[in-house]
Amino acid sequence: AVSKTGHRRLVPILPNLRAWLEPYRGRTGPIVAYKRPNMQLCRLGQKAGVQWRHNGLRHSFGSYRVAVTKSIDQTSLEMGNSPAMVKKHYLEFVTEEEGKRWFSVVP
């Protein structure tokens, strides 16, 4: 309902996302109790001695998605960013194979 750009995000439900969401099928409302889950991940990382990058999952999604789709435009549409923003922040050097492995992580 609210986005910084005023545009909706068209996120595809890939097979691994479907597997993660399956336990919540039919439920309504938030599936995470925290207002800012990323901050909880940062705290958990600190406790575990792992440095958690701010927006690390978002950056990973962007980088791996571009590697798999080979499309900055498609990735920008899915992320709700401009193509210029995707080029600037999410064009990390990752291979298509690494992207496929990222999107094959399931519970």
PDB file of N, CA and C in Angstrom:
ATOM      1  N   ALA A   1       0.816  -1.196   0.000  1.00  0.00           N
ATOM      2  CA  ALA A   1       0.000   0.000   0.000  1.00  0.00           C
ATOM      3  C   ALA A   1       0.857   1.257   0.000  1.00  0.00           C
ATOM      4  N   VAL A   2       2.049   1.188   0.585  1.00  0.00           N
ATOM      5  CA  VAL A   2       2.912   2.357   0.665  1.00  0.00           C
ATOM      6  C   VAL A   2       4.291   1.982   0.148  1.00  0.00           C
ATOM      7  N   SER A   3       4.806   2.786  -0.763  1.00  0.00           N
ATOM      8  CA  SER A   3       6.170   2.574  -1.230  1.00  0.00           C
ATOM      9  C   SER A   3       6.835   3.932  -1.392  1.00  0.00           C
ATOM     10  N   LYS A   4       8.165   3.928  -1.349  1.00  0.00           N
ATOM     11  CA  LYS A   4       8.889   5.189  -1.475  1.00  0.00           C
ATOM     12  C   LYS A   4       8.733   5.801  -2.854  1.00  0.00           C
ATOM     13  N   THR A   5       8.601   4.952  -3.870  1.00  0.00           N
ATOM     14  CA  THR A   5       8.525   5.461  -5.236  1.00  0.00           C
ATOM     15  C   THR A   5       7.099   5.708  -5.706  1.00  0.00           C
ATOM     16  N   GLY A   6       6.112   5.211  -4.957  1.00  0.00           N
ATOM     17  CA  GLY A   6       4.728   5.353  -5.382  1.00  0.00           C
ATOM     18  C   GLY A   6       4.322   4.316  -6.409  1.00  0.00           C
ATOM     19  N   HIS A   7       5.227   3.382  -6.706  1.00  0.00           N
ATOM     20  CA  HIS A   7       4.935   2.320  -7.662  1.00  0.00           C
ATOM     21  C   HIS A   7       4.908   0.981  -6.937  1.00  0.00           C
ATOM     22  N   ARG A   8       4.047   0.112  -7.392  1.00  0.00           N
ATOM     23  CA  ARG A   8       3.982  -1.200  -6.772  1.00  0.00           C
ATOM     24  C   ARG A   8       5.154  -2.055  -7.238  1.00  0.00           C
ATOM     25  N   ARG A   9       5.448  -3.061  -6.450  1.00  0.00           N
ATOM     26  CA  ARG A   9       6.501  -4.012  -6.800  1.00  0.00           C
ATOM     27  C   ARG A   9       5.829  -5.272  -7.318  1.00  0.00           C
ATOM     28  N   LEU A  10       6.305  -5.748  -8.430  1.00  0.00           N
ATOM     29  CA  LEU A  10       5.735  -6.940  -9.046  1.00  0.00           C
ATOM     30  C   LEU A  10       6.690  -8.108  -8.810  1.00  0.00           C
ATOM     31  N   VAL A  11       6.605  -8.666  -7.627  1.00  0.00           N
ATOM     32  CA  VAL A  11       7.525  -9.712  -7.219  1.00  0.00           C
ATOM     33  C   VAL A  11       6.987 -11.076  -7.656  1.00  0.00           C
ATOM     34  N   PRO A  12       7.778 -11.808  -8.447  1.00  0.00           N
ATOM     35  CA  PRO A  12       7.315 -13.135  -8.847  1.00  0.00           C
ATOM     36  C   PRO A  12       7.415 -14.113  -7.678  1.00  0.00           C
ATOM     37  N   ILE A  13       6.485 -15.019  -7.601  1.00  0.00           N
ATOM     38  CA  ILE A  13       6.541 -16.059  -6.581  1.00  0.00           C
ATOM     39  C   ILE A  13       7.324 -17.230  -7.189  1.00  0.00           C
ATOM     40  N   LEU A  14       8.633 -17.208  -6.979  1.00  0.00           N
ATOM     41  CA  LEU A  14       9.508 -18.260  -7.483  1.00  0.00           C
ATOM     42  C   LEU A  14       9.323 -19.515  -6.630  1.00  0.00           C
ATOM     43  N   PRO A  15       9.720 -20.657  -7.138  1.00  0.00           N
ATOM     44  CA  PRO A  15       9.496 -21.904  -6.393  1.00  0.00           C
ATOM     45  C   PRO A  15      10.034 -21.891  -4.963  1.00  0.00           C
ATOM     46  N   ASN A  16      11.219 -21.321  -4.740  1.00  0.00           N
ATOM     47  CA  ASN A  16      11.737 -21.334  -3.366  1.00  0.00           C
ATOM     48  C   ASN A  16      10.946 -20.391  -2.466  1.00  0.00           C
ATOM     49  N   LEU A  17      10.490 -19.253  -2.972  1.00  0.00           N
ATOM     50  CA  LEU A  17       9.648 -18.361  -2.172  1.00  0.00           C
ATOM     51  C   LEU A  17       8.340 -19.060  -1.832  1.00  0.00           C
ATOM     52  N   ARG A  18       7.772 -19.768  -2.793  1.00  0.00           N
ATOM     53  CA  ARG A  18       6.537 -20.511  -2.547  1.00  0.00           C
ATOM     54  C   ARG A  18       6.742 -21.512  -1.408  1.00  0.00           C
ATOM     55  N   ALA A  19       7.897 -22.189  -1.401  1.00  0.00           N
ATOM     56  CA  ALA A  19       8.190 -23.169  -0.340  1.00  0.00           C
ATOM     57  C   ALA A  19       8.291 -22.485   1.027  1.00  0.00           C
ATOM     58  N   TRP A  20       8.896 -21.304   1.075  1.00  0.00           N
ATOM     59  CA  TRP A  20       9.017 -20.581   2.351  1.00  0.00           C
ATOM     60  C   TRP A  20       7.661 -20.092   2.844  1.00  0.00           C
ATOM     61  N   LEU A  21       6.783 -19.713   1.924  1.00  0.00           N
ATOM     62  CA  LEU A  21       5.480 -19.161   2.301  1.00  0.00           C
ATOM     63  C   LEU A  21       4.412 -20.232   2.535  1.00  0.00           C
ATOM     64  N   GLU A  22       4.633 -21.422   2.051  1.00  0.00           N
ATOM     65  CA  GLU A  22       3.621 -22.484   2.127  1.00  0.00           C
ATOM     66  C   GLU A  22       3.045 -22.693   3.532  1.00  0.00           C
ATOM     67  N   PRO A  23       3.863 -22.681   4.596  1.00  0.00           N
ATOM     68  CA  PRO A  23       3.289 -22.883   5.933  1.00  0.00           C
ATOM     69  C   PRO A  23       2.275 -21.808   6.343  1.00  0.00           C
ATOM     70  N   TYR A  24       2.274 -20.679   5.650  1.00  0.00           N
ATOM     71  CA  TYR A  24       1.386 -19.570   6.009  1.00  0.00           C
ATOM     72  C   TYR A  24       0.173 -19.478   5.089  1.00  0.00           C
ATOM     73  N   ARG A  25       0.022 -20.432   4.198  1.00  0.00           N
ATOM     74  CA  ARG A  25      -1.096 -20.410   3.247  1.00  0.00           C
ATOM     75  C   ARG A  25      -2.426 -20.326   4.009  1.00  0.00           C
ATOM     76  N   GLY A  26      -3.290 -19.432   3.564  1.00  0.00           N
ATOM     77  CA  GLY A  26      -4.607 -19.283   4.162  1.00  0.00           C
ATOM     78  C   GLY A  26      -4.647 -18.350   5.362  1.00  0.00           C
ATOM     79  N   ARG A  27      -3.512 -17.969   5.873  1.00  0.00           N
ATOM     80  CA  ARG A  27      -3.499 -17.039   7.010  1.00  0.00           C
ATOM     81  C   ARG A  27      -3.584 -15.614   6.502  1.00  0.00           C
ATOM     82  N   THR A  28      -3.969 -14.710   7.367  1.00  0.00           N
ATOM     83  CA  THR A  28      -3.998 -13.294   7.016  1.00  0.00           C
ATOM     84  C   THR A  28      -3.151 -12.529   8.018  1.00  0.00           C
ATOM     85  N   GLY A  29      -2.757 -11.333   7.632  1.00  0.00           N
ATOM     86  CA  GLY A  29      -1.950 -10.495   8.509  1.00  0.00           C
ATOM     87  C   GLY A  29      -0.468 -10.761   8.349  1.00  0.00           C
ATOM     88  N   PRO A  30       0.324 -10.029   9.103  1.00  0.00           N
ATOM     89  CA  PRO A  30       1.787 -10.167   9.007  1.00  0.00           C
ATOM     90  C   PRO A  30       2.251 -11.563   9.406  1.00  0.00           C
ATOM     91  N   ILE A  31       3.323 -12.029   8.773  1.00  0.00           N
ATOM     92  CA  ILE A  31       3.911 -13.311   9.160  1.00  0.00           C
ATOM     93  C   ILE A  31       5.162 -13.111  10.006  1.00  0.00           C
ATOM     94  N   VAL A  32       5.577 -11.860  10.150  1.00  0.00           N
ATOM     95  CA  VAL A  32       6.714 -11.509  10.990  1.00  0.00           C
ATOM     96  C   VAL A  32       6.216 -10.528  12.045  1.00  0.00           C
ATOM     97  N   ALA A  33       6.543 -10.788  13.292  1.00  0.00           N
ATOM     98  CA  ALA A  33       6.028  -9.971  14.387  1.00  0.00           C
ATOM     99  C   ALA A  33       6.763  -8.640  14.540  1.00  0.00           C
ATOM    100  N   TYR A  34       7.892  -8.486  13.900  1.00  0.00           N
ATOM    101  CA  TYR A  34       8.703  -7.279  14.072  1.00  0.00           C
ATOM    102  C   TYR A  34       8.366  -6.222  13.041  1.00  0.00           C
ATOM    103  N   LYS A  35       8.371  -4.951  13.471  1.00  0.00           N
ATOM    104  CA  LYS A  35       8.134  -3.861  12.531  1.00  0.00           C
ATOM    105  C   LYS A  35       9.298  -3.722  11.567  1.00  0.00           C
ATOM    106  N   ARG A  36      10.507  -3.983  12.050  1.00  0.00           N
ATOM    107  CA  ARG A  36      11.712  -3.865  11.228  1.00  0.00           C
ATOM    108  C   ARG A  36      12.509  -5.164  11.338  1.00  0.00           C
ATOM    109  N   PRO A  37      12.116  -6.200  10.598  1.00  0.00           N
ATOM    110  CA  PRO A  37      12.794  -7.496  10.718  1.00  0.00           C
ATOM    111  C   PRO A  37      14.287  -7.426  10.426  1.00  0.00           C
ATOM    112  N   ASN A  38      14.679  -6.506   9.545  1.00  0.00           N
ATOM    113  CA  ASN A  38      16.102  -6.394   9.211  1.00  0.00           C
ATOM    114  C   ASN A  38      16.925  -6.040  10.451  1.00  0.00           C
ATOM    115  N   MET A  39      16.366  -5.211  11.324  1.00  0.00           N
ATOM    116  CA  MET A  39      17.085  -4.850  12.551  1.00  0.00           C
ATOM    117  C   MET A  39      17.230  -6.070  13.464  1.00  0.00           C
ATOM    118  N   GLN A  40      16.217  -6.919  13.485  1.00  0.00           N
ATOM    119  CA  GLN A  40      16.300  -8.139  14.285  1.00  0.00           C
ATOM    120  C   GLN A  40      17.386  -9.057  13.738  1.00  0.00           C
ATOM    121  N   LEU A  41      17.509  -9.122  12.415  1.00  0.00           N
ATOM    122  CA  LEU A  41      18.560  -9.937  11.811  1.00  0.00           C
ATOM    123  C   LEU A  41      19.939  -9.376  12.148  1.00  0.00           C
ATOM    124  N   CYS A  42      20.066  -8.050  12.164  1.00  0.00           N
ATOM    125  CA  CYS A  42      21.338  -7.425  12.549  1.00  0.00           C
ATOM    126  C   CYS A  42      21.702  -7.808  13.983  1.00  0.00           C
ATOM    127  N   ARG A  43      20.733  -7.741  14.881  1.00  0.00           N
ATOM    128  CA  ARG A  43      20.981  -8.100  16.286  1.00  0.00           C
ATOM    129  C   ARG A  43      21.331  -9.576  16.429  1.00  0.00           C
ATOM    130  N   LEU A  44      20.612 -10.422  15.728  1.00  0.00           N
ATOM    131  CA  LEU A  44      20.891 -11.854  15.762  1.00  0.00           C
ATOM    132  C   LEU A  44      22.299 -12.134  15.232  1.00  0.00           C
ATOM    133  N   GLY A  45      22.659 -11.451  14.150  1.00  0.00           N
ATOM    134  CA  GLY A  45      24.000 -11.593  13.588  1.00  0.00           C
ATOM    135  C   GLY A  45      25.073 -11.190  14.585  1.00  0.00           C
ATOM    136  N   GLN A  46      24.853 -10.079  15.292  1.00  0.00           N
ATOM    137  CA  GLN A  46      25.816  -9.635  16.303  1.00  0.00           C
ATOM    138  C   GLN A  46      25.998 -10.691  17.385  1.00  0.00           C
ATOM    139  N   LYS A  47      24.890 -11.251  17.852  1.00  0.00           N
ATOM    140  CA  LYS A  47      24.958 -12.288  18.886  1.00  0.00           C
ATOM    141  C   LYS A  47      25.707 -13.527  18.397  1.00  0.00           C
ATOM    142  N   ALA A  48      25.550 -13.825  17.100  1.00  0.00           N
ATOM    143  CA  ALA A  48      26.186 -15.011  16.523  1.00  0.00           C
ATOM    144  C   ALA A  48      27.601 -14.723  16.033  1.00  0.00           C
ATOM    145  N   GLY A  49      28.034 -13.459  16.124  1.00  0.00           N
ATOM    146  CA  GLY A  49      29.369 -13.100  15.654  1.00  0.00           C
ATOM    147  C   GLY A  49      29.463 -12.996  14.142  1.00  0.00           C
ATOM    148  N   VAL A  50      28.323 -12.757  13.497  1.00  0.00           N
ATOM    149  CA  VAL A  50      28.270 -12.632  12.043  1.00  0.00           C
ATOM    150  C   VAL A  50      27.919 -11.192  11.707  1.00  0.00           C
ATOM    151  N   GLN A  51      28.710 -10.579  10.842  1.00  0.00           N
ATOM    152  CA  GLN A  51      28.406  -9.206  10.443  1.00  0.00           C
ATOM    153  C   GLN A  51      27.270  -9.233   9.430  1.00  0.00           C
ATOM    154  N   TRP A  52      26.166  -8.603   9.754  1.00  0.00           N
ATOM    155  CA  TRP A  52      24.991  -8.574   8.903  1.00  0.00           C
ATOM    156  C   TRP A  52      24.952  -7.243   8.183  1.00  0.00           C
ATOM    157  N   ARG A  53      24.930  -7.276   6.886  1.00  0.00           N
ATOM    158  CA  ARG A  53      24.911  -6.058   6.084  1.00  0.00           C
ATOM    159  C   ARG A  53      23.495  -5.484   6.057  1.00  0.00           C
ATOM    160  N   HIS A  54      23.369  -4.176   6.292  1.00  0.00           N
ATOM    161  CA  HIS A  54      22.075  -3.510   6.221  1.00  0.00           C
ATOM    162  C   HIS A  54      21.467  -3.756   4.841  1.00  0.00           C
ATOM    163  N   ASN A  55      20.218  -4.217   4.812  1.00  0.00           N
ATOM    164  CA  ASN A  55      19.520  -4.556   3.573  1.00  0.00           C
ATOM    165  C   ASN A  55      20.245  -5.646   2.779  1.00  0.00           C
ATOM    166  N   GLY A  56      20.964  -6.499   3.502  1.00  0.00           N
ATOM    167  CA  GLY A  56      21.747  -7.557   2.856  1.00  0.00           C
ATOM    168  C   GLY A  56      20.911  -8.485   2.001  1.00  0.00           C
ATOM    169  N   LEU A  57      19.729  -8.860   2.481  1.00  0.00           N
ATOM    170  CA  LEU A  57      18.894  -9.765   1.691  1.00  0.00           C
ATOM    171  C   LEU A  57      18.373  -9.072   0.433  1.00  0.00           C
ATOM    172  N   ARG A  58      18.030  -7.800   0.549  1.00  0.00           N
ATOM    173  CA  ARG A  58      17.563  -7.045  -0.621  1.00  0.00           C
ATOM    174  C   ARG A  58      18.682  -6.909  -1.652  1.00  0.00           C
ATOM    175  N   HIS A  59      19.885  -6.566  -1.178  1.00  0.00           N
ATOM    176  CA  HIS A  59      21.019  -6.430  -2.096  1.00  0.00           C
ATOM    177  C   HIS A  59      21.337  -7.771  -2.763  1.00  0.00           C
ATOM    178  N   SER A  60      21.264  -8.832  -1.981  1.00  0.00           N
ATOM    179  CA  SER A  60      21.520 -10.159  -2.549  1.00  0.00           C
ATOM    180  C   SER A  60      20.469 -10.501  -3.597  1.00  0.00           C
ATOM    181  N   PHE A  61      19.193 -10.250  -3.264  1.00  0.00           N
ATOM    182  CA  PHE A  61      18.134 -10.511  -4.235  1.00  0.00           C
ATOM    183  C   PHE A  61      18.433  -9.779  -5.535  1.00  0.00           C
ATOM    184  N   GLY A  62      18.724  -8.490  -5.448  1.00  0.00           N
ATOM    185  CA  GLY A  62      18.963  -7.691  -6.648  1.00  0.00           C
ATOM    186  C   GLY A  62      20.125  -8.211  -7.471  1.00  0.00           C
ATOM    187  N   SER A  63      21.233  -8.486  -6.806  1.00  0.00           N
ATOM    188  CA  SER A  63      22.420  -8.952  -7.522  1.00  0.00           C
ATOM    189  C   SER A  63      22.196 -10.317  -8.162  1.00  0.00           C
ATOM    190  N   TYR A  64      21.640 -11.244  -7.388  1.00  0.00           N
ATOM    191  CA  TYR A  64      21.420 -12.589  -7.921  1.00  0.00           C
ATOM    192  C   TYR A  64      20.317 -12.615  -8.971  1.00  0.00           C
ATOM    193  N   ARG A  65      19.320 -11.769  -8.814  1.00  0.00           N
ATOM    194  CA  ARG A  65      18.222 -11.743  -9.781  1.00  0.00           C
ATOM    195  C   ARG A  65      18.710 -11.231 -11.131  1.00  0.00           C
ATOM    196  N   VAL A  66      19.534 -10.179 -11.132  1.00  0.00           N
ATOM    197  CA  VAL A  66      20.102  -9.691 -12.392  1.00  0.00           C
ATOM    198  C   VAL A  66      20.959 -10.782 -13.031  1.00  0.00           C
ATOM    199  N   ALA A  67      21.733 -11.502 -12.220  1.00  0.00           N
ATOM    200  CA  ALA A  67      22.586 -12.567 -12.750  1.00  0.00           C
ATOM    201  C   ALA A  67      21.765 -13.662 -13.422  1.00  0.00           C
ATOM    202  N   VAL A  68      20.605 -13.985 -12.845  1.00  0.00           N
ATOM    203  CA  VAL A  68      19.766 -15.061 -13.388  1.00  0.00           C
ATOM    204  C   VAL A  68      18.966 -14.583 -14.597  1.00  0.00           C
ATOM    205  N   THR A  69      18.341 -13.424 -14.482  1.00  0.00           N
ATOM    206  CA  THR A  69      17.450 -12.955 -15.559  1.00  0.00           C
ATOM    207  C   THR A  69      18.196 -12.264 -16.688  1.00  0.00           C
ATOM    208  N   LYS A  70      19.370 -11.749 -16.388  1.00  0.00           N
ATOM    209  CA  LYS A  70      20.143 -10.945 -17.357  1.00  0.00           C
ATOM    210  C   LYS A  70      19.357  -9.706 -17.777  1.00  0.00           C
ATOM    211  N   SER A  71      18.493  -9.220 -16.874  1.00  0.00           N
ATOM    212  CA  SER A  71      17.627  -8.099 -17.214  1.00  0.00           C
ATOM    213  C   SER A  71      17.567  -7.099 -16.073  1.00  0.00           C
ATOM    214  N   ILE A  72      18.212  -5.965 -16.279  1.00  0.00           N
ATOM    215  CA  ILE A  72      18.147  -4.879 -15.300  1.00  0.00           C
ATOM    216  C   ILE A  72      16.725  -4.337 -15.228  1.00  0.00           C
ATOM    217  N   ASP A  73      16.059  -4.230 -16.372  1.00  0.00           N
ATOM    218  CA  ASP A  73      14.690  -3.704 -16.391  1.00  0.00           C
ATOM    219  C   ASP A  73      13.736  -4.593 -15.599  1.00  0.00           C
ATOM    220  N   GLN A  74      13.816  -5.905 -15.803  1.00  0.00           N
ATOM    221  CA  GLN A  74      12.930  -6.817 -15.073  1.00  0.00           C
ATOM    222  C   GLN A  74      13.211  -6.751 -13.581  1.00  0.00           C
ATOM    223  N   THR A  75      14.480  -6.740 -13.214  1.00  0.00           N
ATOM    224  CA  THR A  75      14.852  -6.685 -11.796  1.00  0.00           C
ATOM    225  C   THR A  75      14.390  -5.376 -11.176  1.00  0.00           C
ATOM    226  N   SER A  76      14.520  -4.267 -11.889  1.00  0.00           N
ATOM    227  CA  SER A  76      14.087  -2.977 -11.340  1.00  0.00           C
ATOM    228  C   SER A  76      12.575  -2.968 -11.129  1.00  0.00           C
ATOM    229  N   LEU A  77      11.825  -3.581 -12.037  1.00  0.00           N
ATOM    230  CA  LEU A  77      10.375  -3.659 -11.886  1.00  0.00           C
ATOM    231  C   LEU A  77      10.013  -4.489 -10.657  1.00  0.00           C
ATOM    232  N   GLU A  78      10.695  -5.616 -10.466  1.00  0.00           N
ATOM    233  CA  GLU A  78      10.409  -6.485  -9.334  1.00  0.00           C
ATOM    234  C   GLU A  78      10.785  -5.841  -8.005  1.00  0.00           C
ATOM    235  N   MET A  79      11.848  -5.039  -8.012  1.00  0.00           N
ATOM    236  CA  MET A  79      12.329  -4.426  -6.773  1.00  0.00           C
ATOM    237  C   MET A  79      11.681  -3.083  -6.478  1.00  0.00           C
ATOM    238  N   GLY A  80      11.029  -2.491  -7.477  1.00  0.00           N
ATOM    239  CA  GLY A  80      10.446  -1.169  -7.282  1.00  0.00           C
ATOM    240  C   GLY A  80      11.491  -0.066  -7.354  1.00  0.00           C
ATOM    241  N   ASN A  81      12.580  -0.333  -8.052  1.00  0.00           N
ATOM    242  CA  ASN A  81      13.651   0.642  -8.238  1.00  0.00           C
ATOM    243  C   ASN A  81      13.716   1.061  -9.698  1.00  0.00           C
ATOM    244  N   SER A  82      14.438   2.129  -9.965  1.00  0.00           N
ATOM    245  CA  SER A  82      14.701   2.516 -11.341  1.00  0.00           C
ATOM    246  C   SER A  82      15.827   1.634 -11.881  1.00  0.00           C
ATOM    247  N   PRO A  83      15.888   1.463 -13.207  1.00  0.00           N
ATOM    248  CA  PRO A  83      17.019   0.727 -13.772  1.00  0.00           C
ATOM    249  C   PRO A  83      18.365   1.337 -13.382  1.00  0.00           C
ATOM    250  N   ALA A  84      18.429   2.655 -13.276  1.00  0.00           N
ATOM    251  CA  ALA A  84      19.685   3.308 -12.879  1.00  0.00           C
ATOM    252  C   ALA A  84      20.099   2.893 -11.465  1.00  0.00           C
ATOM    253  N   MET A  85      19.131   2.775 -10.574  1.00  0.00           N
ATOM    254  CA  MET A  85      19.425   2.360  -9.198  1.00  0.00           C
ATOM    255  C   MET A  85      19.912   0.909  -9.162  1.00  0.00           C
ATOM    256  N   VAL A  86      19.292   0.060  -9.974  1.00  0.00           N
ATOM    257  CA  VAL A  86      19.733  -1.342 -10.038  1.00  0.00           C
ATOM    258  C   VAL A  86      21.167  -1.395 -10.557  1.00  0.00           C
ATOM    259  N   LYS A  87      21.467  -0.633 -11.604  1.00  0.00           N
ATOM    260  CA  LYS A  87      22.838  -0.598 -12.143  1.00  0.00           C
ATOM    261  C   LYS A  87      23.823  -0.128 -11.088  1.00  0.00           C
ATOM    262  N   LYS A  88      23.432   0.877 -10.319  1.00  0.00           N
ATOM    263  CA  LYS A  88      24.338   1.473  -9.332  1.00  0.00           C
ATOM    264  C   LYS A  88      24.595   0.550  -8.140  1.00  0.00           C
ATOM    265  N   HIS A  89      23.545  -0.144  -7.655  1.00  0.00           N
ATOM    266  CA  HIS A  89      23.672  -0.874  -6.400  1.00  0.00           C
ATOM    267  C   HIS A  89      23.670  -2.393  -6.507  1.00  0.00           C
ATOM    268  N   TYR A  90      23.102  -2.941  -7.556  1.00  0.00           N
ATOM    269  CA  TYR A  90      22.878  -4.385  -7.579  1.00  0.00           C
ATOM    270  C   TYR A  90      23.594  -5.118  -8.696  1.00  0.00           C
ATOM    271  N   LEU A  91      24.544  -4.477  -9.320  1.00  0.00           N
ATOM    272  CA  LEU A  91      25.300  -5.128 -10.381  1.00  0.00           C
ATOM    273  C   LEU A  91      26.596  -5.700  -9.816  1.00  0.00           C
ATOM    274  N   GLU A  92      26.458  -6.438  -8.734  1.00  0.00           N
ATOM    275  CA  GLU A  92      27.614  -7.096  -8.127  1.00  0.00           C
ATOM    276  C   GLU A  92      28.087  -8.194  -9.072  1.00  0.00           C
ATOM    277  N   PHE A  93      29.335  -8.557  -8.923  1.00  0.00           N
ATOM    278  CA  PHE A  93      29.847  -9.614  -9.785  1.00  0.00           C
ATOM    279  C   PHE A  93      29.484 -10.965  -9.195  1.00  0.00           C
ATOM    280  N   VAL A  94      28.367 -11.483  -9.630  1.00  0.00           N
ATOM    281  CA  VAL A  94      27.957 -12.836  -9.264  1.00  0.00           C
ATOM    282  C   VAL A  94      27.586 -13.557 -10.553  1.00  0.00           C
ATOM    283  N   THR A  95      27.790 -14.838 -10.545  1.00  0.00           N
ATOM    284  CA  THR A  95      27.519 -15.618 -11.746  1.00  0.00           C
ATOM    285  C   THR A  95      26.068 -16.087 -11.775  1.00  0.00           C
ATOM    286  N   GLU A  96      25.645 -16.502 -12.947  1.00  0.00           N
ATOM    287  CA  GLU A  96      24.300 -17.046 -13.077  1.00  0.00           C
ATOM    288  C   GLU A  96      24.156 -18.293 -12.208  1.00  0.00           C
ATOM    289  N   GLU A  97      25.192 -19.113 -12.150  1.00  0.00           N
ATOM    290  CA  GLU A  97      25.146 -20.323 -11.327  1.00  0.00           C
ATOM    291  C   GLU A  97      24.972 -19.974  -9.850  1.00  0.00           C
ATOM    292  N   GLU A  98      25.681 -18.940  -9.370  1.00  0.00           N
ATOM    293  CA  GLU A  98      25.512 -18.504  -7.978  1.00  0.00           C
ATOM    294  C   GLU A  98      24.087 -18.009  -7.746  1.00  0.00           C
ATOM    295  N   GLY A  99      23.543 -17.288  -8.729  1.00  0.00           N
ATOM    296  CA  GLY A  99      22.167 -16.819  -8.624  1.00  0.00           C
ATOM    297  C   GLY A  99      21.187 -17.965  -8.548  1.00  0.00           C
ATOM    298  N   LYS A 100      21.398 -18.973  -9.364  1.00  0.00           N
ATOM    299  CA  LYS A 100      20.512 -20.139  -9.332  1.00  0.00           C
ATOM    300  C   LYS A 100      20.592 -20.848  -7.987  1.00  0.00           C
ATOM    301  N   ARG A 101      21.795 -20.930  -7.421  1.00  0.00           N
ATOM    302  CA  ARG A 101      21.931 -21.546  -6.095  1.00  0.00           C
ATOM    303  C   ARG A 101      21.209 -20.712  -5.040  1.00  0.00           C
ATOM    304  N   TRP A 102      21.320 -19.386  -5.116  1.00  0.00           N
ATOM    305  CA  TRP A 102      20.640 -18.493  -4.163  1.00  0.00           C
ATOM    306  C   TRP A 102      19.136 -18.720  -4.186  1.00  0.00           C
ATOM    307  N   PHE A 103      18.581 -18.809  -5.399  1.00  0.00           N
ATOM    308  CA  PHE A 103      17.146 -18.980  -5.532  1.00  0.00           C
ATOM    309  C   PHE A 103      16.678 -20.425  -5.395  1.00  0.00           C
ATOM    310  N   SER A 104      17.589 -21.314  -5.018  1.00  0.00           N
ATOM    311  CA  SER A 104      17.182 -22.696  -4.767  1.00  0.00           C
ATOM    312  C   SER A 104      17.191 -23.024  -3.272  1.00  0.00           C
ATOM    313  N   VAL A 105      17.502 -22.045  -2.425  1.00  0.00           N
ATOM    314  CA  VAL A 105      17.494 -22.259  -0.979  1.00  0.00           C
ATOM    315  C   VAL A 105      16.046 -22.426  -0.521  1.00  0.00           C
ATOM    316  N   VAL A 106      15.765 -23.544   0.105  1.00  0.00           N
ATOM    317  CA  VAL A 106      14.409 -23.820   0.580  1.00  0.00           C
ATOM    318  C   VAL A 106      14.469 -24.233   2.044  1.00  0.00           C
ATOM    319  N   PRO A 107      13.329 -24.139   2.737  1.00  0.00           N
ATOM    320  CA  PRO A 107      13.329 -24.516   4.160  1.00  0.00           C
ATOM    321  C   PRO A 107      13.614 -25.997   4.368  1.00  0.00           C
TER     322      PRO A 107
END
